[in-house]
Amino acid sequence: MLQSIPLDWYLILSAVLFVIGVIGVITRRNAIIIFMSLELMLNAVNLTMVAFSAFLGDVAGQIFVFFVMAVAAAEAAVGLAIVLALFRKKQTVYVDEVNLMKW
């Protein structure tokens, strides 16, 4: 008989992934690593939505995750374009060395 994985395990995994993403955003200076950490956080939330959707037997959460992933792909493309433009302008991708908003 096939046993399913309990909902708690999915939620724990999602929380661990989210915390790793938060630590990456807070501690890293490289803009690309920060974007990767943000994507990790977004995927942790997606995992939670899919887990609850499967637990409740409703596909609405899974459909919502599909749209969130489509928006995340567009966000990644725009973020990479911004990082490339930043690198061309300042020759660095470290966010603490960039001061474009100052006079």
PDB file of N, CA and C in Angstrom:
ATOM      1  N   MET A   1       0.838  -1.178   0.000  1.00  0.00           N
ATOM      2  CA  MET A   1       0.000   0.000   0.000  1.00  0.00           C
ATOM      3  C   MET A   1       0.892   1.254   0.000  1.00  0.00           C
ATOM      4  N   LEU A   2       0.548   2.203  -0.835  1.00  0.00           N
ATOM      5  CA  LEU A   2       1.323   3.432  -0.987  1.00  0.00           C
ATOM      6  C   LEU A   2       0.850   4.459   0.035  1.00  0.00           C
ATOM      7  N   GLN A   3       1.786   4.961   0.834  1.00  0.00           N
ATOM      8  CA  GLN A   3       1.433   5.981   1.817  1.00  0.00           C
ATOM      9  C   GLN A   3       1.849   7.337   1.293  1.00  0.00           C
ATOM     10  N   SER A   4       1.018   8.329   1.527  1.00  0.00           N
ATOM     11  CA  SER A   4       1.357   9.677   1.077  1.00  0.00           C
ATOM     12  C   SER A   4       2.175  10.395   2.143  1.00  0.00           C
ATOM     13  N   ILE A   5       2.860  11.401   1.721  1.00  0.00           N
ATOM     14  CA  ILE A   5       3.690  12.199   2.631  1.00  0.00           C
ATOM     15  C   ILE A   5       2.764  13.152   3.392  1.00  0.00           C
ATOM     16  N   PRO A   6       2.919  13.255   4.701  1.00  0.00           N
ATOM     17  CA  PRO A   6       2.032  14.149   5.476  1.00  0.00           C
ATOM     18  C   PRO A   6       2.212  15.614   5.087  1.00  0.00           C
ATOM     19  N   LEU A   7       1.152  16.377   5.309  1.00  0.00           N
ATOM     20  CA  LEU A   7       1.167  17.802   4.989  1.00  0.00           C
ATOM     21  C   LEU A   7       2.229  18.540   5.791  1.00  0.00           C
ATOM     22  N   ASP A   8       2.480  18.113   7.011  1.00  0.00           N
ATOM     23  CA  ASP A   8       3.474  18.781   7.864  1.00  0.00           C
ATOM     24  C   ASP A   8       4.853  18.801   7.220  1.00  0.00           C
ATOM     25  N   TRP A   9       5.218  17.739   6.547  1.00  0.00           N
ATOM     26  CA  TRP A   9       6.544  17.671   5.934  1.00  0.00           C
ATOM     27  C   TRP A   9       6.681  18.704   4.814  1.00  0.00           C
ATOM     28  N   TYR A  10       5.631  18.854   4.033  1.00  0.00           N
ATOM     29  CA  TYR A  10       5.663  19.864   2.979  1.00  0.00           C
ATOM     30  C   TYR A  10       5.776  21.263   3.569  1.00  0.00           C
ATOM     31  N   LEU A  11       5.045  21.511   4.643  1.00  0.00           N
ATOM     32  CA  LEU A  11       5.091  22.832   5.268  1.00  0.00           C
ATOM     33  C   LEU A  11       6.448  23.106   5.906  1.00  0.00           C
ATOM     34  N   ILE A  12       7.057  22.105   6.504  1.00  0.00           N
ATOM     35  CA  ILE A  12       8.393  22.265   7.080  1.00  0.00           C
ATOM     36  C   ILE A  12       9.416  22.538   5.979  1.00  0.00           C
ATOM     37  N   LEU A  13       9.336  21.770   4.892  1.00  0.00           N
ATOM     38  CA  LEU A  13      10.247  22.003   3.764  1.00  0.00           C
ATOM     39  C   LEU A  13      10.068  23.399   3.190  1.00  0.00           C
ATOM     40  N   SER A  14       8.826  23.820   3.051  1.00  0.00           N
ATOM     41  CA  SER A  14       8.557  25.153   2.535  1.00  0.00           C
ATOM     42  C   SER A  14       9.098  26.233   3.462  1.00  0.00           C
ATOM     43  N   ALA A  15       8.928  26.050   4.759  1.00  0.00           N
ATOM     44  CA  ALA A  15       9.450  27.030   5.723  1.00  0.00           C
ATOM     45  C   ALA A  15      10.967  27.093   5.681  1.00  0.00           C
ATOM     46  N   VAL A  16      11.622  25.940   5.563  1.00  0.00           N
ATOM     47  CA  VAL A  16      13.083  25.922   5.483  1.00  0.00           C
ATOM     48  C   VAL A  16      13.561  26.630   4.217  1.00  0.00           C
ATOM     49  N   LEU A  17      12.915  26.358   3.087  1.00  0.00           N
ATOM     50  CA  LEU A  17      13.291  27.025   1.836  1.00  0.00           C
ATOM     51  C   LEU A  17      13.063  28.531   1.931  1.00  0.00           C
ATOM     52  N   PHE A  18      11.966  28.930   2.550  1.00  0.00           N
ATOM     53  CA  PHE A  18      11.689  30.362   2.687  1.00  0.00           C
ATOM     54  C   PHE A  18      12.730  31.038   3.567  1.00  0.00           C
ATOM     55  N   VAL A  19      13.111  30.402   4.660  1.00  0.00           N
ATOM     56  CA  VAL A  19      14.113  30.982   5.555  1.00  0.00           C
ATOM     57  C   VAL A  19      15.470  31.076   4.860  1.00  0.00           C
ATOM     58  N   ILE A  20      15.828  30.066   4.077  1.00  0.00           N
ATOM     59  CA  ILE A  20      17.078  30.131   3.309  1.00  0.00           C
ATOM     60  C   ILE A  20      17.041  31.307   2.339  1.00  0.00           C
ATOM     61  N   GLY A  21      15.891  31.520   1.696  1.00  0.00           N
ATOM     62  CA  GLY A  21      15.744  32.659   0.791  1.00  0.00           C
ATOM     63  C   GLY A  21      15.857  33.987   1.509  1.00  0.00           C
ATOM     64  N   VAL A  22      15.244  34.097   2.675  1.00  0.00           N
ATOM     65  CA  VAL A  22      15.328  35.346   3.453  1.00  0.00           C
ATOM     66  C   VAL A  22      16.764  35.617   3.876  1.00  0.00           C
ATOM     67  N   ILE A  23      17.449  34.582   4.325  1.00  0.00           N
ATOM     68  CA  ILE A  23      18.852  34.754   4.719  1.00  0.00           C
ATOM     69  C   ILE A  23      19.690  35.183   3.512  1.00  0.00           C
ATOM     70  N   GLY A  24      19.410  34.607   2.343  1.00  0.00           N
ATOM     71  CA  GLY A  24      20.131  34.999   1.136  1.00  0.00           C
ATOM     72  C   GLY A  24      19.891  36.439   0.749  1.00  0.00           C
ATOM     73  N   VAL A  25      18.653  36.918   0.895  1.00  0.00           N
ATOM     74  CA  VAL A  25      18.348  38.312   0.563  1.00  0.00           C
ATOM     75  C   VAL A  25      19.015  39.262   1.552  1.00  0.00           C
ATOM     76  N   ILE A  26      19.014  38.889   2.820  1.00  0.00           N
ATOM     77  CA  ILE A  26      19.548  39.789   3.848  1.00  0.00           C
ATOM     78  C   ILE A  26      21.072  39.841   3.829  1.00  0.00           C
ATOM     79  N   THR A  27      21.736  38.702   3.595  1.00  0.00           N
ATOM     80  CA  THR A  27      23.187  38.656   3.782  1.00  0.00           C
ATOM     81  C   THR A  27      23.994  38.854   2.511  1.00  0.00           C
ATOM     82  N   ARG A  28      23.432  38.656   1.355  1.00  0.00           N
ATOM     83  CA  ARG A  28      24.221  38.733   0.114  1.00  0.00           C
ATOM     84  C   ARG A  28      24.230  40.137  -0.457  1.00  0.00           C
ATOM     85  N   ARG A  29      25.298  40.446  -1.187  1.00  0.00           N
ATOM     86  CA  ARG A  29      25.427  41.747  -1.826  1.00  0.00           C
ATOM     87  C   ARG A  29      25.265  41.664  -3.333  1.00  0.00           C
ATOM     88  N   ASN A  30      25.443  40.490  -3.899  1.00  0.00           N
ATOM     89  CA  ASN A  30      25.359  40.317  -5.342  1.00  0.00           C
ATOM     90  C   ASN A  30      23.888  40.335  -5.775  1.00  0.00           C
ATOM     91  N   ALA A  31      23.560  41.169  -6.758  1.00  0.00           N
ATOM     92  CA  ALA A  31      22.170  41.323  -7.184  1.00  0.00           C
ATOM     93  C   ALA A  31      21.610  40.029  -7.774  1.00  0.00           C
ATOM     94  N   ILE A  32      22.417  39.260  -8.457  1.00  0.00           N
ATOM     95  CA  ILE A  32      21.941  38.010  -9.044  1.00  0.00           C
ATOM     96  C   ILE A  32      21.609  37.006  -7.946  1.00  0.00           C
ATOM     97  N   ILE A  33      22.426  36.922  -6.916  1.00  0.00           N
ATOM     98  CA  ILE A  33      22.152  36.030  -5.795  1.00  0.00           C
ATOM     99  C   ILE A  33      20.889  36.483  -5.060  1.00  0.00           C
ATOM    100  N   ILE A  34      20.679  37.774  -4.948  1.00  0.00           N
ATOM    101  CA  ILE A  34      19.465  38.281  -4.303  1.00  0.00           C
ATOM    102  C   ILE A  34      18.234  37.878  -5.109  1.00  0.00           C
ATOM    103  N   PHE A  35      18.307  37.992  -6.437  1.00  0.00           N
ATOM    104  CA  PHE A  35      17.186  37.567  -7.271  1.00  0.00           C
ATOM    105  C   PHE A  35      16.940  36.062  -7.138  1.00  0.00           C
ATOM    106  N   MET A  36      17.997  35.283  -7.059  1.00  0.00           N
ATOM    107  CA  MET A  36      17.837  33.838  -6.879  1.00  0.00           C
ATOM    108  C   MET A  36      17.190  33.530  -5.532  1.00  0.00           C
ATOM    109  N   SER A  37      17.554  34.273  -4.513  1.00  0.00           N
ATOM    110  CA  SER A  37      16.954  34.069  -3.190  1.00  0.00           C
ATOM    111  C   SER A  37      15.473  34.458  -3.197  1.00  0.00           C
ATOM    112  N   LEU A  38      15.134  35.515  -3.907  1.00  0.00           N
ATOM    113  CA  LEU A  38      13.726  35.892  -4.036  1.00  0.00           C
ATOM    114  C   LEU A  38      12.923  34.815  -4.758  1.00  0.00           C
ATOM    115  N   GLU A  39      13.504  34.233  -5.789  1.00  0.00           N
ATOM    116  CA  GLU A  39      12.835  33.143  -6.498  1.00  0.00           C
ATOM    117  C   GLU A  39      12.660  31.927  -5.598  1.00  0.00           C
ATOM    118  N   LEU A  40      13.648  31.664  -4.742  1.00  0.00           N
ATOM    119  CA  LEU A  40      13.537  30.556  -3.795  1.00  0.00           C
ATOM    120  C   LEU A  40      12.393  30.796  -2.817  1.00  0.00           C
ATOM    121  N   MET A  41      12.265  32.024  -2.352  1.00  0.00           N
ATOM    122  CA  MET A  41      11.162  32.358  -1.461  1.00  0.00           C
ATOM    123  C   MET A  41       9.821  32.196  -2.165  1.00  0.00           C
ATOM    124  N   LEU A  42       9.744  32.633  -3.411  1.00  0.00           N
ATOM    125  CA  LEU A  42       8.507  32.503  -4.175  1.00  0.00           C
ATOM    126  C   LEU A  42       8.151  31.038  -4.402  1.00  0.00           C
ATOM    127  N   ASN A  43       9.145  30.215  -4.681  1.00  0.00           N
ATOM    128  CA  ASN A  43       8.883  28.792  -4.879  1.00  0.00           C
ATOM    129  C   ASN A  43       8.488  28.100  -3.575  1.00  0.00           C
ATOM    130  N   ALA A  44       8.982  28.583  -2.442  1.00  0.00           N
ATOM    131  CA  ALA A  44       8.561  28.023  -1.157  1.00  0.00           C
ATOM    132  C   ALA A  44       7.080  28.296  -0.916  1.00  0.00           C
ATOM    133  N   VAL A  45       6.640  29.494  -1.244  1.00  0.00           N
ATOM    134  CA  VAL A  45       5.217  29.817  -1.108  1.00  0.00           C
ATOM    135  C   VAL A  45       4.390  28.989  -2.089  1.00  0.00           C
ATOM    136  N   ASN A  46       4.897  28.794  -3.296  1.00  0.00           N
ATOM    137  CA  ASN A  46       4.196  27.955  -4.272  1.00  0.00           C
ATOM    138  C   ASN A  46       4.062  26.525  -3.773  1.00  0.00           C
ATOM    139  N   LEU A  47       5.100  26.002  -3.148  1.00  0.00           N
ATOM    140  CA  LEU A  47       5.037  24.657  -2.596  1.00  0.00           C
ATOM    141  C   LEU A  47       3.966  24.557  -1.515  1.00  0.00           C
ATOM    142  N   THR A  48       3.860  25.585  -0.685  1.00  0.00           N
ATOM    143  CA  THR A  48       2.830  25.605   0.344  1.00  0.00           C
ATOM    144  C   THR A  48       1.438  25.611  -0.280  1.00  0.00           C
ATOM    145  N   MET A  49       1.248  26.429  -1.320  1.00  0.00           N
ATOM    146  CA  MET A  49      -0.068  26.481  -1.964  1.00  0.00           C
ATOM    147  C   MET A  49      -0.426  25.161  -2.620  1.00  0.00           C
ATOM    148  N   VAL A  50       0.523  24.512  -3.245  1.00  0.00           N
ATOM    149  CA  VAL A  50       0.252  23.219  -3.872  1.00  0.00           C
ATOM    150  C   VAL A  50      -0.029  22.158  -2.817  1.00  0.00           C
ATOM    151  N   ALA A  51       0.695  22.194  -1.710  1.00  0.00           N
ATOM    152  CA  ALA A  51       0.473  21.217  -0.646  1.00  0.00           C
ATOM    153  C   ALA A  51      -0.929  21.370  -0.057  1.00  0.00           C
ATOM    154  N   PHE A  52      -1.332  22.606   0.228  1.00  0.00           N
ATOM    155  CA  PHE A  52      -2.681  22.807   0.753  1.00  0.00           C
ATOM    156  C   PHE A  52      -3.741  22.475  -0.281  1.00  0.00           C
ATOM    157  N   SER A  53      -3.465  22.772  -1.540  1.00  0.00           N
ATOM    158  CA  SER A  53      -4.414  22.441  -2.598  1.00  0.00           C
ATOM    159  C   SER A  53      -4.622  20.936  -2.708  1.00  0.00           C
ATOM    160  N   ALA A  54      -3.547  20.186  -2.642  1.00  0.00           N
ATOM    161  CA  ALA A  54      -3.664  18.729  -2.694  1.00  0.00           C
ATOM    162  C   ALA A  54      -4.322  18.183  -1.430  1.00  0.00           C
ATOM    163  N   PHE A  55      -4.013  18.785  -0.279  1.00  0.00           N
ATOM    164  CA  PHE A  55      -4.582  18.326   0.985  1.00  0.00           C
ATOM    165  C   PHE A  55      -6.093  18.552   1.021  1.00  0.00           C
ATOM    166  N   LEU A  56      -6.534  19.689   0.489  1.00  0.00           N
ATOM    167  CA  LEU A  56      -7.960  20.007   0.502  1.00  0.00           C
ATOM    168  C   LEU A  56      -8.707  19.416  -0.686  1.00  0.00           C
ATOM    169  N   GLY A  57      -7.979  18.900  -1.670  1.00  0.00           N
ATOM    170  CA  GLY A  57      -8.613  18.307  -2.836  1.00  0.00           C
ATOM    171  C   GLY A  57      -9.191  19.318  -3.805  1.00  0.00           C
ATOM    172  N   ASP A  58      -8.643  20.526  -3.814  1.00  0.00           N
ATOM    173  CA  ASP A  58      -9.122  21.586  -4.694  1.00  0.00           C
ATOM    174  C   ASP A  58      -7.989  21.994  -5.624  1.00  0.00           C
ATOM    175  N   VAL A  59      -8.285  22.144  -6.908  1.00  0.00           N
ATOM    176  CA  VAL A  59      -7.233  22.469  -7.870  1.00  0.00           C
ATOM    177  C   VAL A  59      -7.034  23.976  -8.033  1.00  0.00           C
ATOM    178  N   ALA A  60      -7.800  24.781  -7.325  1.00  0.00           N
ATOM    179  CA  ALA A  60      -7.688  26.236  -7.469  1.00  0.00           C
ATOM    180  C   ALA A  60      -6.299  26.722  -7.062  1.00  0.00           C
ATOM    181  N   GLY A  61      -5.735  26.149  -6.011  1.00  0.00           N
ATOM    182  CA  GLY A  61      -4.392  26.543  -5.585  1.00  0.00           C
ATOM    183  C   GLY A  61      -3.336  26.198  -6.608  1.00  0.00           C
ATOM    184  N   GLN A  62      -3.492  25.065  -7.264  1.00  0.00           N
ATOM    185  CA  GLN A  62      -2.526  24.662  -8.279  1.00  0.00           C
ATOM    186  C   GLN A  62      -2.630  25.549  -9.516  1.00  0.00           C
ATOM    187  N   ILE A  63      -3.822  25.961  -9.861  1.00  0.00           N
ATOM    188  CA  ILE A  63      -3.993  26.882 -10.993  1.00  0.00           C
ATOM    189  C   ILE A  63      -3.388  28.238 -10.663  1.00  0.00           C
ATOM    190  N   PHE A  64      -3.586  28.689  -9.424  1.00  0.00           N
ATOM    191  CA  PHE A  64      -3.000  29.956  -9.001  1.00  0.00           C
ATOM    192  C   PHE A  64      -1.481  29.900  -9.042  1.00  0.00           C
ATOM    193  N   VAL A  65      -0.907  28.763  -8.647  1.00  0.00           N
ATOM    194  CA  VAL A  65       0.550  28.582  -8.691  1.00  0.00           C
ATOM    195  C   VAL A  65       1.049  28.656 -10.129  1.00  0.00           C
ATOM    196  N   PHE A  66       0.284  28.123 -11.061  1.00  0.00           N
ATOM    197  CA  PHE A  66       0.673  28.197 -12.470  1.00  0.00           C
ATOM    198  C   PHE A  66       0.803  29.650 -12.924  1.00  0.00           C
ATOM    199  N   PHE A  67      -0.145  30.487 -12.548  1.00  0.00           N
ATOM    200  CA  PHE A  67      -0.079  31.902 -12.922  1.00  0.00           C
ATOM    201  C   PHE A  67       1.047  32.620 -12.178  1.00  0.00           C
ATOM    202  N   VAL A  68       1.276  32.263 -10.933  1.00  0.00           N
ATOM    203  CA  VAL A  68       2.377  32.867 -10.174  1.00  0.00           C
ATOM    204  C   VAL A  68       3.712  32.520 -10.825  1.00  0.00           C
ATOM    205  N   MET A  69       3.854  31.290 -11.301  1.00  0.00           N
ATOM    206  CA  MET A  69       5.106  30.899 -11.961  1.00  0.00           C
ATOM    207  C   MET A  69       5.296  31.636 -13.275  1.00  0.00           C
ATOM    208  N   ALA A  70       4.214  31.907 -13.996  1.00  0.00           N
ATOM    209  CA  ALA A  70       4.322  32.680 -15.232  1.00  0.00           C
ATOM    210  C   ALA A  70       4.770  34.108 -14.940  1.00  0.00           C
ATOM    211  N   VAL A  71       4.222  34.715 -13.894  1.00  0.00           N
ATOM    212  CA  VAL A  71       4.632  36.072 -13.507  1.00  0.00           C
ATOM    213  C   VAL A  71       6.075  36.058 -13.006  1.00  0.00           C
ATOM    214  N   ALA A  72       6.478  34.997 -12.301  1.00  0.00           N
ATOM    215  CA  ALA A  72       7.853  34.899 -11.804  1.00  0.00           C
ATOM    216  C   ALA A  72       8.845  34.784 -12.958  1.00  0.00           C
ATOM    217  N   ALA A  73       8.458  34.106 -14.022  1.00  0.00           N
ATOM    218  CA  ALA A  73       9.349  34.020 -15.188  1.00  0.00           C
ATOM    219  C   ALA A  73       9.538  35.394 -15.817  1.00  0.00           C
ATOM    220  N   ALA A  74       8.469  36.161 -15.907  1.00  0.00           N
ATOM    221  CA  ALA A  74       8.586  37.522 -16.442  1.00  0.00           C
ATOM    222  C   ALA A  74       9.413  38.399 -15.512  1.00  0.00           C
ATOM    223  N   GLU A  75       9.232  38.221 -14.207  1.00  0.00           N
ATOM    224  CA  GLU A  75      10.011  38.990 -13.229  1.00  0.00           C
ATOM    225  C   GLU A  75      11.493  38.658 -13.328  1.00  0.00           C
ATOM    226  N   ALA A  76      11.805  37.395 -13.549  1.00  0.00           N
ATOM    227  CA  ALA A  76      13.207  36.996 -13.681  1.00  0.00           C
ATOM    228  C   ALA A  76      13.830  37.615 -14.929  1.00  0.00           C
ATOM    229  N   ALA A  77      13.069  37.650 -16.017  1.00  0.00           N
ATOM    230  CA  ALA A  77      13.595  38.251 -17.247  1.00  0.00           C
ATOM    231  C   ALA A  77      13.828  39.749 -17.074  1.00  0.00           C
ATOM    232  N   VAL A  78      12.895  40.438 -16.456  1.00  0.00           N
ATOM    233  CA  VAL A  78      13.046  41.881 -16.224  1.00  0.00           C
ATOM    234  C   VAL A  78      14.172  42.139 -15.231  1.00  0.00           C
ATOM    235  N   GLY A  79      14.259  41.317 -14.184  1.00  0.00           N
ATOM    236  CA  GLY A  79      15.333  41.474 -13.210  1.00  0.00           C
ATOM    237  C   GLY A  79      16.703  41.281 -13.828  1.00  0.00           C
ATOM    238  N   LEU A  80      16.826  40.276 -14.689  1.00  0.00           N
ATOM    239  CA  LEU A  80      18.108  40.046 -15.358  1.00  0.00           C
ATOM    240  C   LEU A  80      18.450  41.202 -16.288  1.00  0.00           C
ATOM    241  N   ALA A  81      17.458  41.756 -16.957  1.00  0.00           N
ATOM    242  CA  ALA A  81      17.707  42.918 -17.826  1.00  0.00           C
ATOM    243  C   ALA A  81      18.171  44.118 -17.011  1.00  0.00           C
ATOM    244  N   ILE A  82      17.583  44.301 -15.841  1.00  0.00           N
ATOM    245  CA  ILE A  82      18.003  45.406 -14.972  1.00  0.00           C
ATOM    246  C   ILE A  82      19.432  45.187 -14.481  1.00  0.00           C
ATOM    247  N   VAL A  83      19.766  43.965 -14.116  1.00  0.00           N
ATOM    248  CA  VAL A  83      21.119  43.670 -13.653  1.00  0.00           C
ATOM    249  C   VAL A  83      22.127  43.880 -14.781  1.00  0.00           C
ATOM    250  N   LEU A  84      21.785  43.469 -15.985  1.00  0.00           N
ATOM    251  CA  LEU A  84      22.691  43.692 -17.126  1.00  0.00           C
ATOM    252  C   LEU A  84      22.881  45.174 -17.410  1.00  0.00           C
ATOM    253  N   ALA A  85      21.804  45.944 -17.362  1.00  0.00           N
ATOM    254  CA  ALA A  85      21.918  47.390 -17.565  1.00  0.00           C
ATOM    255  C   ALA A  85      22.749  48.033 -16.458  1.00  0.00           C
ATOM    256  N   LEU A  86      22.561  47.565 -15.239  1.00  0.00           N
ATOM    257  CA  LEU A  86      23.339  48.063 -14.108  1.00  0.00           C
ATOM    258  C   LEU A  86      24.821  47.746 -14.281  1.00  0.00           C
ATOM    259  N   PHE A  87      25.118  46.530 -14.738  1.00  0.00           N
ATOM    260  CA  PHE A  87      26.514  46.154 -14.931  1.00  0.00           C
ATOM    261  C   PHE A  87      27.162  46.981 -16.038  1.00  0.00           C
ATOM    262  N   ARG A  88      26.426  47.255 -17.098  1.00  0.00           N
ATOM    263  CA  ARG A  88      26.979  48.077 -18.184  1.00  0.00           C
ATOM    264  C   ARG A  88      27.245  49.506 -17.723  1.00  0.00           C
ATOM    265  N   LYS A  89      26.401  50.005 -16.837  1.00  0.00           N
ATOM    266  CA  LYS A  89      26.552  51.386 -16.378  1.00  0.00           C
ATOM    267  C   LYS A  89      27.637  51.526 -15.306  1.00  0.00           C
ATOM    268  N   LYS A  90      27.649  50.621 -14.327  1.00  0.00           N
ATOM    269  CA  LYS A  90      28.530  50.767 -13.177  1.00  0.00           C
ATOM    270  C   LYS A  90      29.663  49.740 -13.108  1.00  0.00           C
ATOM    271  N   GLN A  91      29.677  48.742 -13.971  1.00  0.00           N
ATOM    272  CA  GLN A  91      30.692  47.695 -13.995  1.00  0.00           C
ATOM    273  C   GLN A  91      30.722  46.872 -12.706  1.00  0.00           C
ATOM    274  N   THR A  92      29.582  46.770 -12.034  1.00  0.00           N
ATOM    275  CA  THR A  92      29.480  45.950 -10.827  1.00  0.00           C
ATOM    276  C   THR A  92      28.034  45.493 -10.665  1.00  0.00           C
ATOM    277  N   VAL A  93      27.863  44.358  -9.981  1.00  0.00           N
ATOM    278  CA  VAL A  93      26.518  43.877  -9.666  1.00  0.00           C
ATOM    279  C   VAL A  93      26.293  43.830  -8.157  1.00  0.00           C
ATOM    280  N   TYR A  94      27.185  44.423  -7.396  1.00  0.00           N
ATOM    281  CA  TYR A  94      27.022  44.487  -5.946  1.00  0.00           C
ATOM    282  C   TYR A  94      26.105  45.653  -5.604  1.00  0.00           C
ATOM    283  N   VAL A  95      25.052  45.356  -4.860  1.00  0.00           N
ATOM    284  CA  VAL A  95      24.028  46.371  -4.623  1.00  0.00           C
ATOM    285  C   VAL A  95      24.494  47.477  -3.687  1.00  0.00           C
ATOM    286  N   ASP A  96      25.477  47.225  -2.846  1.00  0.00           N
ATOM    287  CA  ASP A  96      25.937  48.290  -1.956  1.00  0.00           C
ATOM    288  C   ASP A  96      26.882  49.262  -2.640  1.00  0.00           C
ATOM    289  N   GLU A  97      27.383  48.929  -3.811  1.00  0.00           N
ATOM    290  CA  GLU A  97      28.263  49.833  -4.558  1.00  0.00           C
ATOM    291  C   GLU A  97      27.520  50.670  -5.576  1.00  0.00           C
ATOM    292  N   VAL A  98      26.239  50.441  -5.702  1.00  0.00           N
ATOM    293  CA  VAL A  98      25.428  51.157  -6.693  1.00  0.00           C
ATOM    294  C   VAL A  98      24.643  52.247  -5.984  1.00  0.00           C
ATOM    295  N   ASN A  99      24.785  53.462  -6.465  1.00  0.00           N
ATOM    296  CA  ASN A  99      24.066  54.578  -5.891  1.00  0.00           C
ATOM    297  C   ASN A  99      23.450  55.421  -7.005  1.00  0.00           C
ATOM    298  N   LEU A 100      22.670  54.807  -7.865  1.00  0.00           N
ATOM    299  CA  LEU A 100      22.074  55.500  -8.999  1.00  0.00           C
ATOM    300  C   LEU A 100      21.016  56.507  -8.563  1.00  0.00           C
ATOM    301  N   MET A 101      20.424  56.315  -7.400  1.00  0.00           N
ATOM    302  CA  MET A 101      19.336  57.191  -6.976  1.00  0.00           C
ATOM    303  C   MET A 101      19.840  58.427  -6.250  1.00  0.00           C
ATOM    304  N   LYS A 102      21.153  58.520  -5.990  1.00  0.00           N
ATOM    305  CA  LYS A 102      21.697  59.697  -5.328  1.00  0.00           C
ATOM    306  C   LYS A 102      21.976  60.791  -6.356  1.00  0.00           C
ATOM    307  N   TRP A 103      22.027  62.035  -5.872  1.00  0.00           N
ATOM    308  CA  TRP A 103      22.325  63.160  -6.763  1.00  0.00           C
ATOM    309  C   TRP A 103      23.771  63.205  -7.075  1.00  0.00           C
TER     310      TRP A 103
END
